[in-house]
Protein backbone atom coordinates (compact mmCIF):
# COMPACT_ATOMS: atom_id res chain seq x y z
CA MET A 1 115.04 166.82 108.48
CA ASN A 2 115.54 170.15 110.25
CA ILE A 3 113.18 173.11 109.90
CA GLU A 4 115.25 174.93 107.26
CA GLU A 5 115.46 171.79 105.10
CA LEU A 6 111.70 171.31 105.42
CA LYS A 7 111.06 174.93 104.42
CA LYS A 8 113.27 174.51 101.35
CA LYS A 9 111.52 171.27 100.40
CA LEU A 10 108.05 172.83 100.84
CA ARG A 11 109.01 175.79 98.62
CA SER A 12 109.85 173.35 95.80
CA TYR A 13 106.18 172.36 95.46
CA GLY A 14 103.46 174.18 93.56
CA GLU A 15 99.73 174.31 94.14
CA GLU A 16 99.26 171.66 91.42
CA ASP A 17 101.37 169.20 93.50
CA ILE A 18 99.05 169.34 96.52
CA GLU A 19 96.68 166.43 97.16
CA PHE A 20 94.15 166.13 99.98
CA ASN A 21 92.95 163.12 101.96
CA GLU A 22 89.32 163.53 100.92
CA PRO A 23 86.74 163.63 102.38
CA HIS A 24 88.50 163.59 105.78
CA PHE A 25 90.53 166.75 105.21
CA THR A 26 87.50 168.81 104.15
CA GLN A 27 85.44 167.51 107.08
CA GLN A 28 88.14 168.51 109.57
CA LEU A 29 88.58 171.89 107.90
CA THR A 30 84.84 172.57 108.14
CA LEU A 31 84.59 171.29 111.70
CA ARG A 32 87.47 173.50 112.84
CA GLU A 33 86.38 176.50 110.75
CA GLY A 34 89.58 176.58 108.73
CA ARG A 35 90.24 177.78 105.21
CA ARG A 36 91.83 175.65 102.47
CA GLU A 37 93.61 178.75 101.10
CA ASP A 38 95.35 179.32 104.46
CA VAL A 39 96.61 175.74 104.54
CA ILE A 40 97.93 175.93 100.98
CA ASN A 41 99.53 179.34 101.57
CA ASN A 42 101.32 178.18 104.74
CA LEU A 43 102.63 175.05 103.01
CA LEU A 44 103.91 176.82 99.89
CA ASN A 45 105.24 179.83 101.85
CA PRO A 46 106.48 178.11 105.04
CA ASP A 47 107.86 181.16 106.85
CA LYS A 48 105.62 180.39 109.85
CA LEU A 49 106.81 176.76 110.17
CA VAL A 50 108.17 176.45 113.72
CA TYR A 51 108.21 172.76 114.59
CA SER A 52 108.02 169.34 112.99
CA TYR A 53 108.26 165.69 113.91
CA GLU A 54 107.96 162.44 111.98
CA GLU A 55 105.73 159.46 112.61
CA LYS A 56 104.83 156.28 110.76
CA GLY A 57 101.42 156.10 109.15
CA LYS A 58 99.21 153.04 109.36
CA TYR A 59 100.34 151.97 105.86
CA GLY A 60 104.04 152.50 106.61
CA ASP A 61 104.20 156.01 105.14
CA GLU A 62 106.51 158.59 106.71
CA ILE A 63 104.28 161.40 107.94
CA HIS A 64 105.75 164.82 108.72
CA CYS A 65 103.63 166.67 111.28
CA LEU A 66 104.19 170.34 110.48
CA HIS A 67 103.34 173.03 113.04
CA PHE A 68 102.77 176.61 111.88
CA LYS A 69 102.57 179.57 114.24
CA ILE A 70 99.36 181.41 113.38
CA SER A 71 99.36 183.73 116.39
CA ASN A 72 100.68 183.73 119.97
CA THR A 73 97.85 181.43 121.00
CA ARG A 74 97.07 179.41 117.85
CA THR A 75 99.06 176.71 116.08
CA MET A 76 98.05 174.99 112.84
CA ARG A 77 99.14 171.35 112.62
CA VAL A 78 99.21 169.80 109.16
CA PRO A 79 100.42 166.20 108.78
CA VAL A 80 101.78 165.65 105.25
CA ILE A 81 103.38 162.88 103.22
CA PHE A 82 106.04 163.97 100.74
CA ASP A 83 105.99 162.34 97.28
CA LYS A 84 103.30 159.72 97.98
CA ASN A 85 103.32 156.86 95.45
CA ASN A 86 106.76 157.93 94.13
CA GLY A 87 105.47 161.03 92.34
CA LYS A 88 106.10 164.69 93.14
CA SER A 89 103.23 165.43 95.49
CA LEU A 90 102.42 166.93 98.84
CA TYR A 91 99.69 164.76 100.35
CA ILE A 92 97.82 166.48 103.20
CA VAL A 93 96.46 163.97 105.70
CA THR A 94 94.34 166.23 107.92
CA TYR A 95 94.03 169.67 109.51
CA VAL A 96 94.21 170.58 113.19
CA MET A 97 93.98 174.06 114.72
CA ARG A 98 95.26 174.16 118.29
CA TYR A 99 94.46 176.98 120.63
CA ARG A 100 97.64 176.90 122.64
CA PRO A 101 101.15 178.20 122.03
CA TRP A 102 103.39 175.92 119.96
CA GLN A 103 106.19 176.27 122.52
CA SER A 104 104.28 174.14 125.02
CA MET A 105 104.16 171.28 122.47
CA VAL A 106 107.91 171.40 121.93
CA LYS A 107 108.62 171.17 125.67
CA ARG A 108 106.89 167.78 125.93
């Protein structure tokens, strides 16, 4: 899926469709001093989505690793699973805040 398709897909979800991998997600959010509202806002309004790649989860799920440009030096990485268990849902696996430009990740 390209970035524009991902943005369109993300916009089709509402806040009620979001599920979190608890307690892992909350632990990572606290550890990295993030805010749940920022994660939800970036997912539902994906204008800052700049990069994505797919990987297989340990249970065979297709995980989309979404990268959002927060500033010139910070990138928020949010791995998600679309429609887990065949229902309309946006399952958030974890939260990572990187303190480096997203462009350097794309070059690798």
